[in-house]
Amino acid sequence: MKALYIASTGMSAQERNVEVISNNIANMRTPGFKRQRAEFEDLLYQQIS
């Protein structure tokens, strides 16, 4: 069961990373847009809480 939890957590982190990258690409020509970054610490905090 622990292996499934680890795999699930990894997939959730990758999903968030893809969401951030997609948002950055979609808005790259928007005036004033600043790119986002998916930080591991933020992803870890979201998984814990």
N, C-alpha and C. Protein backbone atom coordinates (compact mmCIF):
# COMPACT_ATOMS: atom_id res chain seq x y z
N MET A 1 0.82 -1.20 0.00
CA MET A 1 0.00 0.00 0.00
C MET A 1 0.86 1.26 0.00
N LYS A 2 2.01 1.20 0.68
CA LYS A 2 2.87 2.37 0.73
C LYS A 2 3.38 2.72 -0.67
N ALA A 3 3.66 1.70 -1.47
CA ALA A 3 4.14 1.94 -2.83
C ALA A 3 3.08 2.65 -3.67
N LEU A 4 1.83 2.29 -3.49
CA LEU A 4 0.75 2.96 -4.22
C LEU A 4 0.62 4.41 -3.79
N TYR A 5 0.78 4.67 -2.50
CA TYR A 5 0.71 6.05 -2.01
C TYR A 5 1.85 6.88 -2.59
N ILE A 6 3.04 6.31 -2.62
CA ILE A 6 4.19 7.02 -3.18
C ILE A 6 3.97 7.31 -4.66
N ALA A 7 3.47 6.32 -5.39
CA ALA A 7 3.19 6.51 -6.82
C ALA A 7 2.12 7.57 -7.03
N SER A 8 1.10 7.55 -6.20
CA SER A 8 0.02 8.54 -6.30
C SER A 8 0.53 9.95 -6.03
N THR A 9 1.36 10.09 -5.03
CA THR A 9 1.93 11.39 -4.70
C THR A 9 2.80 11.91 -5.84
N GLY A 10 3.59 11.03 -6.42
CA GLY A 10 4.42 11.42 -7.56
C GLY A 10 3.60 11.85 -8.76
N MET A 11 2.52 11.13 -9.02
CA MET A 11 1.65 11.49 -10.15
C MET A 11 0.96 12.83 -9.89
N SER A 12 0.57 13.08 -8.66
CA SER A 12 -0.07 14.36 -8.32
C SER A 12 0.91 15.52 -8.52
N ALA A 13 2.15 15.32 -8.13
CA ALA A 13 3.17 16.36 -8.31
C ALA A 13 3.41 16.62 -9.79
N GLN A 14 3.47 15.57 -10.59
CA GLN A 14 3.67 15.75 -12.02
C GLN A 14 2.46 16.43 -12.66
N GLU A 15 1.27 16.09 -12.21
CA GLU A 15 0.06 16.73 -12.74
C GLU A 15 0.10 18.23 -12.48
N ARG A 16 0.49 18.62 -11.28
CA ARG A 16 0.60 20.04 -10.94
C ARG A 16 1.66 20.72 -11.80
N ASN A 17 2.76 20.05 -12.03
CA ASN A 17 3.82 20.59 -12.86
C ASN A 17 3.33 20.83 -14.29
N VAL A 18 2.59 19.89 -14.85
CA VAL A 18 2.04 20.05 -16.20
C VAL A 18 1.03 21.20 -16.23
N GLU A 19 0.22 21.34 -15.19
CA GLU A 19 -0.74 22.45 -15.12
C GLU A 19 -0.02 23.80 -15.14
N VAL A 20 1.05 23.92 -14.38
CA VAL A 20 1.80 25.17 -14.32
C VAL A 20 2.43 25.47 -15.67
N ILE A 21 3.04 24.48 -16.29
CA ILE A 21 3.66 24.68 -17.60
C ILE A 21 2.61 25.06 -18.64
N SER A 22 1.47 24.40 -18.62
CA SER A 22 0.39 24.72 -19.57
C SER A 22 -0.08 26.15 -19.40
N ASN A 23 -0.24 26.57 -18.16
CA ASN A 23 -0.67 27.94 -17.88
C ASN A 23 0.38 28.94 -18.37
N ASN A 24 1.64 28.64 -18.15
CA ASN A 24 2.70 29.54 -18.61
C ASN A 24 2.70 29.66 -20.13
N ILE A 25 2.52 28.56 -20.83
CA ILE A 25 2.48 28.60 -22.30
C ILE A 25 1.26 29.37 -22.79
N ALA A 26 0.11 29.12 -22.18
CA ALA A 26 -1.12 29.77 -22.62
C ALA A 26 -1.07 31.29 -22.42
N ASN A 27 -0.32 31.74 -21.43
CA ASN A 27 -0.32 33.17 -21.10
C ASN A 27 0.99 33.88 -21.42
N MET A 28 1.88 33.23 -22.17
CA MET A 28 3.20 33.82 -22.37
C MET A 28 3.17 35.14 -23.14
N ARG A 29 2.14 35.39 -23.91
CA ARG A 29 2.06 36.66 -24.65
C ARG A 29 1.11 37.67 -23.99
N THR A 30 0.61 37.34 -22.82
CA THR A 30 -0.26 38.25 -22.09
C THR A 30 0.60 39.34 -21.45
N PRO A 31 0.28 40.62 -21.73
CA PRO A 31 1.07 41.70 -21.13
C PRO A 31 1.04 41.63 -19.59
N GLY A 32 2.19 41.75 -18.99
CA GLY A 32 2.29 41.75 -17.54
C GLY A 32 2.28 40.38 -16.89
N PHE A 33 2.16 39.32 -17.68
CA PHE A 33 2.12 37.98 -17.10
C PHE A 33 3.49 37.58 -16.60
N LYS A 34 3.52 37.01 -15.41
CA LYS A 34 4.77 36.48 -14.86
C LYS A 34 4.62 34.98 -14.71
N ARG A 35 5.60 34.27 -15.17
CA ARG A 35 5.53 32.81 -15.13
C ARG A 35 5.45 32.29 -13.70
N GLN A 36 4.86 31.13 -13.59
CA GLN A 36 4.79 30.45 -12.31
C GLN A 36 5.79 29.30 -12.31
N ARG A 37 6.14 28.86 -11.14
CA ARG A 37 7.01 27.70 -10.99
C ARG A 37 6.39 26.76 -9.98
N ALA A 38 6.47 25.49 -10.26
CA ALA A 38 6.00 24.48 -9.31
C ALA A 38 7.19 24.09 -8.44
N GLU A 39 7.19 24.54 -7.21
CA GLU A 39 8.27 24.23 -6.29
C GLU A 39 7.94 22.96 -5.52
N PHE A 40 8.92 22.13 -5.31
CA PHE A 40 8.70 20.87 -4.62
C PHE A 40 8.16 21.10 -3.22
N GLU A 41 8.65 22.13 -2.52
CA GLU A 41 8.18 22.41 -1.17
C GLU A 41 6.69 22.71 -1.16
N ASP A 42 6.24 23.49 -2.14
CA ASP A 42 4.81 23.82 -2.23
C ASP A 42 3.99 22.57 -2.49
N LEU A 43 4.48 21.72 -3.38
CA LEU A 43 3.76 20.49 -3.69
C LEU A 43 3.71 19.56 -2.48
N LEU A 44 4.81 19.50 -1.74
CA LEU A 44 4.85 18.66 -0.54
C LEU A 44 3.86 19.17 0.49
N TYR A 45 3.83 20.49 0.69
CA TYR A 45 2.90 21.08 1.66
C TYR A 45 1.45 20.79 1.27
N GLN A 46 1.13 20.88 -0.02
CA GLN A 46 -0.23 20.59 -0.47
C GLN A 46 -0.60 19.14 -0.22
N GLN A 47 0.34 18.24 -0.37
CA GLN A 47 0.06 16.82 -0.16
C GLN A 47 -0.14 16.51 1.32
N ILE A 48 0.59 17.20 2.18
CA ILE A 48 0.50 16.94 3.62
C ILE A 48 -0.79 17.48 4.20
N SER A 49 -1.19 18.66 3.77
CA SER A 49 -2.39 19.29 4.35
C SER A 49 -3.66 18.87 3.68
